[in-house]
N, C-alpha and C. Protein backbone atom coordinates (compact mmCIF):
# COMPACT_ATOMS: atom_id res chain seq x y z
N MET A 1 0.85 -1.18 0.00
CA MET A 1 0.00 0.00 0.00
C MET A 1 0.89 1.23 0.00
N PHE A 2 0.59 2.20 -0.82
CA PHE A 2 1.33 3.45 -0.91
C PHE A 2 2.81 3.22 -1.18
N GLY A 3 3.14 2.17 -1.91
CA GLY A 3 4.53 1.90 -2.27
C GLY A 3 5.33 1.22 -1.19
N GLY A 4 4.68 0.72 -0.16
CA GLY A 4 5.40 0.06 0.92
C GLY A 4 4.83 -1.31 1.20
N LEU A 5 5.35 -1.91 2.23
CA LEU A 5 4.90 -3.24 2.66
C LEU A 5 4.04 -3.04 3.91
N SER A 6 2.76 -3.38 3.81
CA SER A 6 1.82 -3.15 4.90
C SER A 6 1.73 -4.35 5.84
N PHE A 7 1.49 -4.04 7.10
CA PHE A 7 1.31 -5.07 8.12
C PHE A 7 -0.05 -4.88 8.77
N MET A 8 -0.83 -5.96 8.71
CA MET A 8 -2.18 -5.95 9.25
C MET A 8 -2.20 -6.57 10.64
N VAL A 9 -3.00 -5.98 11.52
CA VAL A 9 -3.23 -6.52 12.86
C VAL A 9 -4.72 -6.40 13.13
N ASN A 10 -5.35 -7.50 13.49
CA ASN A 10 -6.78 -7.50 13.75
C ASN A 10 -7.57 -6.93 12.57
N GLU A 11 -7.20 -7.37 11.38
CA GLU A 11 -7.88 -7.00 10.14
C GLU A 11 -7.81 -5.51 9.79
N ARG A 12 -6.81 -4.82 10.33
CA ARG A 12 -6.60 -3.40 10.03
C ARG A 12 -5.13 -3.16 9.76
N MET A 13 -4.86 -2.25 8.85
CA MET A 13 -3.46 -1.91 8.62
C MET A 13 -2.95 -1.12 9.82
N ALA A 14 -1.86 -1.59 10.40
CA ALA A 14 -1.26 -0.91 11.55
C ALA A 14 -0.10 -0.02 11.12
N VAL A 15 0.71 -0.53 10.21
CA VAL A 15 1.90 0.20 9.78
C VAL A 15 2.32 -0.30 8.40
N ALA A 16 2.93 0.58 7.64
CA ALA A 16 3.49 0.20 6.34
C ALA A 16 4.93 0.69 6.31
N ALA A 17 5.83 -0.20 5.90
CA ALA A 17 7.24 0.15 5.77
C ALA A 17 7.48 0.68 4.37
N GLY A 18 8.06 1.86 4.29
CA GLY A 18 8.36 2.47 3.00
C GLY A 18 9.68 1.98 2.43
N ARG A 19 9.92 2.31 1.19
CA ARG A 19 11.12 1.86 0.48
C ARG A 19 12.42 2.42 1.05
N VAL A 20 12.37 3.59 1.66
CA VAL A 20 13.59 4.23 2.15
C VAL A 20 13.69 4.20 3.67
N GLY A 21 12.90 3.34 4.32
CA GLY A 21 12.98 3.19 5.77
C GLY A 21 11.98 4.01 6.55
N ASP A 22 11.13 4.75 5.85
CA ASP A 22 10.10 5.51 6.53
C ASP A 22 8.92 4.60 6.86
N LEU A 23 8.04 5.08 7.73
CA LEU A 23 6.87 4.30 8.12
C LEU A 23 5.61 5.13 7.92
N LEU A 24 4.54 4.47 7.53
CA LEU A 24 3.20 5.04 7.56
C LEU A 24 2.51 4.33 8.71
N VAL A 25 2.04 5.11 9.69
CA VAL A 25 1.52 4.53 10.93
C VAL A 25 0.08 4.99 11.16
N ARG A 26 -0.80 4.01 11.42
CA ARG A 26 -2.17 4.35 11.84
C ARG A 26 -2.07 4.84 13.28
N VAL A 27 -2.75 5.94 13.57
CA VAL A 27 -2.70 6.50 14.92
C VAL A 27 -4.11 6.80 15.42
N ASN A 28 -4.25 6.82 16.72
CA ASN A 28 -5.50 7.26 17.32
C ASN A 28 -5.56 8.78 17.13
N PRO A 29 -6.61 9.29 16.48
CA PRO A 29 -6.69 10.75 16.26
C PRO A 29 -6.55 11.57 17.53
N ALA A 30 -6.95 11.03 18.67
CA ALA A 30 -6.81 11.75 19.93
C ALA A 30 -5.33 11.94 20.32
N ASP A 31 -4.46 11.08 19.80
CA ASP A 31 -3.03 11.14 20.12
C ASP A 31 -2.21 11.86 19.05
N TYR A 32 -2.87 12.30 17.98
CA TYR A 32 -2.19 12.85 16.81
C TYR A 32 -1.21 13.97 17.15
N ASP A 33 -1.66 14.99 17.86
CA ASP A 33 -0.79 16.13 18.16
C ASP A 33 0.42 15.73 19.00
N ALA A 34 0.21 14.88 19.98
CA ALA A 34 1.33 14.42 20.81
C ALA A 34 2.33 13.62 19.99
N LEU A 35 1.83 12.82 19.05
CA LEU A 35 2.73 12.01 18.22
C LEU A 35 3.47 12.87 17.20
N LEU A 36 2.90 14.00 16.80
CA LEU A 36 3.64 14.94 15.96
C LEU A 36 4.85 15.47 16.71
N GLU A 37 4.68 15.75 17.99
CA GLU A 37 5.79 16.22 18.83
C GLU A 37 6.81 15.12 19.07
N ASP A 38 6.40 13.87 18.90
CA ASP A 38 7.26 12.72 19.14
C ASP A 38 8.06 12.34 17.88
N GLY A 39 7.89 13.09 16.80
CA GLY A 39 8.69 12.83 15.61
C GLY A 39 7.91 12.43 14.37
N GLY A 40 6.60 12.20 14.52
CA GLY A 40 5.79 11.90 13.35
C GLY A 40 5.52 13.17 12.56
N VAL A 41 5.17 13.01 11.31
CA VAL A 41 4.81 14.14 10.46
C VAL A 41 3.50 13.79 9.75
N PRO A 42 2.72 14.80 9.36
CA PRO A 42 1.47 14.50 8.66
C PRO A 42 1.70 13.62 7.43
N ALA A 43 0.81 12.67 7.24
CA ALA A 43 0.89 11.77 6.09
C ALA A 43 0.07 12.33 4.94
N PHE A 44 0.57 12.15 3.72
CA PHE A 44 -0.12 12.64 2.53
C PHE A 44 -0.27 11.54 1.50
N MET A 45 -1.39 11.59 0.77
CA MET A 45 -1.62 10.73 -0.40
C MET A 45 -1.40 11.60 -1.62
N GLY A 46 -0.19 11.70 -2.07
CA GLY A 46 0.10 12.59 -3.18
C GLY A 46 0.21 14.02 -2.70
N LYS A 47 0.44 14.90 -3.63
CA LYS A 47 0.63 16.30 -3.31
C LYS A 47 -0.67 16.93 -2.82
N ASP A 48 -0.60 17.62 -1.70
CA ASP A 48 -1.73 18.39 -1.16
C ASP A 48 -2.96 17.56 -0.82
N ARG A 49 -2.78 16.27 -0.52
CA ARG A 49 -3.92 15.43 -0.11
C ARG A 49 -3.59 14.78 1.24
N PRO A 50 -3.80 15.52 2.34
CA PRO A 50 -3.49 14.96 3.66
C PRO A 50 -4.40 13.77 3.98
N MET A 51 -3.83 12.80 4.66
CA MET A 51 -4.60 11.61 5.05
C MET A 51 -5.43 11.86 6.30
N GLY A 52 -5.16 12.92 7.02
CA GLY A 52 -5.94 13.26 8.20
C GLY A 52 -5.29 12.77 9.48
N PRO A 53 -5.96 13.06 10.61
CA PRO A 53 -5.36 12.77 11.92
C PRO A 53 -5.34 11.29 12.32
N GLY A 54 -5.71 10.40 11.43
CA GLY A 54 -5.63 8.97 11.74
C GLY A 54 -4.35 8.33 11.22
N TRP A 55 -3.49 9.13 10.57
CA TRP A 55 -2.28 8.59 9.96
C TRP A 55 -1.12 9.55 10.13
N LEU A 56 0.07 9.00 10.36
CA LEU A 56 1.31 9.77 10.41
C LEU A 56 2.36 9.08 9.57
N SER A 57 3.26 9.88 9.04
CA SER A 57 4.48 9.35 8.44
C SER A 57 5.58 9.52 9.48
N VAL A 58 6.46 8.56 9.52
CA VAL A 58 7.61 8.65 10.42
C VAL A 58 8.86 8.54 9.55
N PRO A 59 9.61 9.64 9.43
CA PRO A 59 10.82 9.61 8.61
C PRO A 59 11.82 8.58 9.13
N SER A 60 12.60 8.03 8.22
CA SER A 60 13.58 7.00 8.61
C SER A 60 14.55 7.50 9.68
N GLU A 61 14.81 8.79 9.71
CA GLU A 61 15.71 9.35 10.72
C GLU A 61 15.17 9.17 12.14
N ARG A 62 13.85 8.99 12.26
CA ARG A 62 13.22 8.81 13.57
C ARG A 62 13.09 7.34 13.95
N VAL A 63 13.59 6.45 13.11
CA VAL A 63 13.55 5.01 13.37
C VAL A 63 14.99 4.50 13.26
N GLN A 64 15.78 4.83 14.27
CA GLN A 64 17.21 4.53 14.24
C GLN A 64 17.59 3.22 14.91
N ASP A 65 16.72 2.70 15.76
CA ASP A 65 17.06 1.46 16.45
C ASP A 65 15.78 0.68 16.76
N GLU A 66 15.97 -0.49 17.36
CA GLU A 66 14.82 -1.35 17.66
C GLU A 66 13.83 -0.70 18.62
N SER A 67 14.32 0.11 19.53
CA SER A 67 13.44 0.79 20.47
C SER A 67 12.53 1.79 19.75
N ASP A 68 13.08 2.55 18.81
CA ASP A 68 12.27 3.48 18.02
C ASP A 68 11.23 2.72 17.21
N LEU A 69 11.65 1.66 16.55
CA LEU A 69 10.74 0.86 15.75
C LEU A 69 9.63 0.28 16.62
N ALA A 70 10.00 -0.26 17.78
CA ALA A 70 9.00 -0.85 18.68
C ALA A 70 7.98 0.20 19.12
N HIS A 71 8.42 1.41 19.38
CA HIS A 71 7.50 2.48 19.78
C HIS A 71 6.45 2.72 18.70
N TRP A 72 6.90 2.91 17.44
CA TRP A 72 5.95 3.23 16.37
C TRP A 72 5.08 2.03 16.01
N LEU A 73 5.60 0.82 16.12
CA LEU A 73 4.77 -0.37 15.90
C LEU A 73 3.68 -0.44 16.96
N ASP A 74 4.03 -0.14 18.19
CA ASP A 74 3.06 -0.15 19.29
C ASP A 74 1.96 0.88 19.02
N VAL A 75 2.34 2.05 18.55
CA VAL A 75 1.34 3.08 18.22
C VAL A 75 0.38 2.55 17.17
N GLY A 76 0.91 1.96 16.10
CA GLY A 76 0.05 1.46 15.03
C GLY A 76 -0.83 0.30 15.45
N ILE A 77 -0.27 -0.61 16.22
CA ILE A 77 -1.02 -1.79 16.65
C ILE A 77 -2.15 -1.41 17.60
N HIS A 78 -1.90 -0.44 18.45
CA HIS A 78 -2.89 -0.07 19.48
C HIS A 78 -3.69 1.18 19.14
N SER A 79 -3.65 1.60 17.88
CA SER A 79 -4.34 2.83 17.49
C SER A 79 -5.86 2.75 17.67
N GLY A 80 -6.42 1.57 17.65
CA GLY A 80 -7.87 1.43 17.80
C GLY A 80 -8.30 1.12 19.22
N ASP A 81 -7.34 1.00 20.12
CA ASP A 81 -7.69 0.69 21.50
C ASP A 81 -8.42 1.85 22.14
N ALA A 82 -9.41 1.54 22.96
CA ALA A 82 -10.14 2.57 23.68
C ALA A 82 -9.26 3.16 24.76
N LYS A 83 -9.39 4.44 24.97
CA LYS A 83 -8.64 5.13 26.02
C LYS A 83 -9.39 4.95 27.34
N ALA A 84 -8.61 4.80 28.40
CA ALA A 84 -9.21 4.64 29.74
C ALA A 84 -9.63 5.98 30.29
């Protein structure tokens, strides 16, 4: 999807790995602003077509080690979880 390799969890796309090491991550819209501060950037479908607050792109520079990758995978996997 979107030129990357997508990973599904519970019948939903959680994350897609891009060709250059970037990630497309499904996020809980309520967490969107905080995740922007954490290194995510708005995701776009082509020029000037934002995907909205349910998706972020994570540049490869923000995924430097297993801990970074685990963080963003956790975000994508748990994006549909209800908040307490």
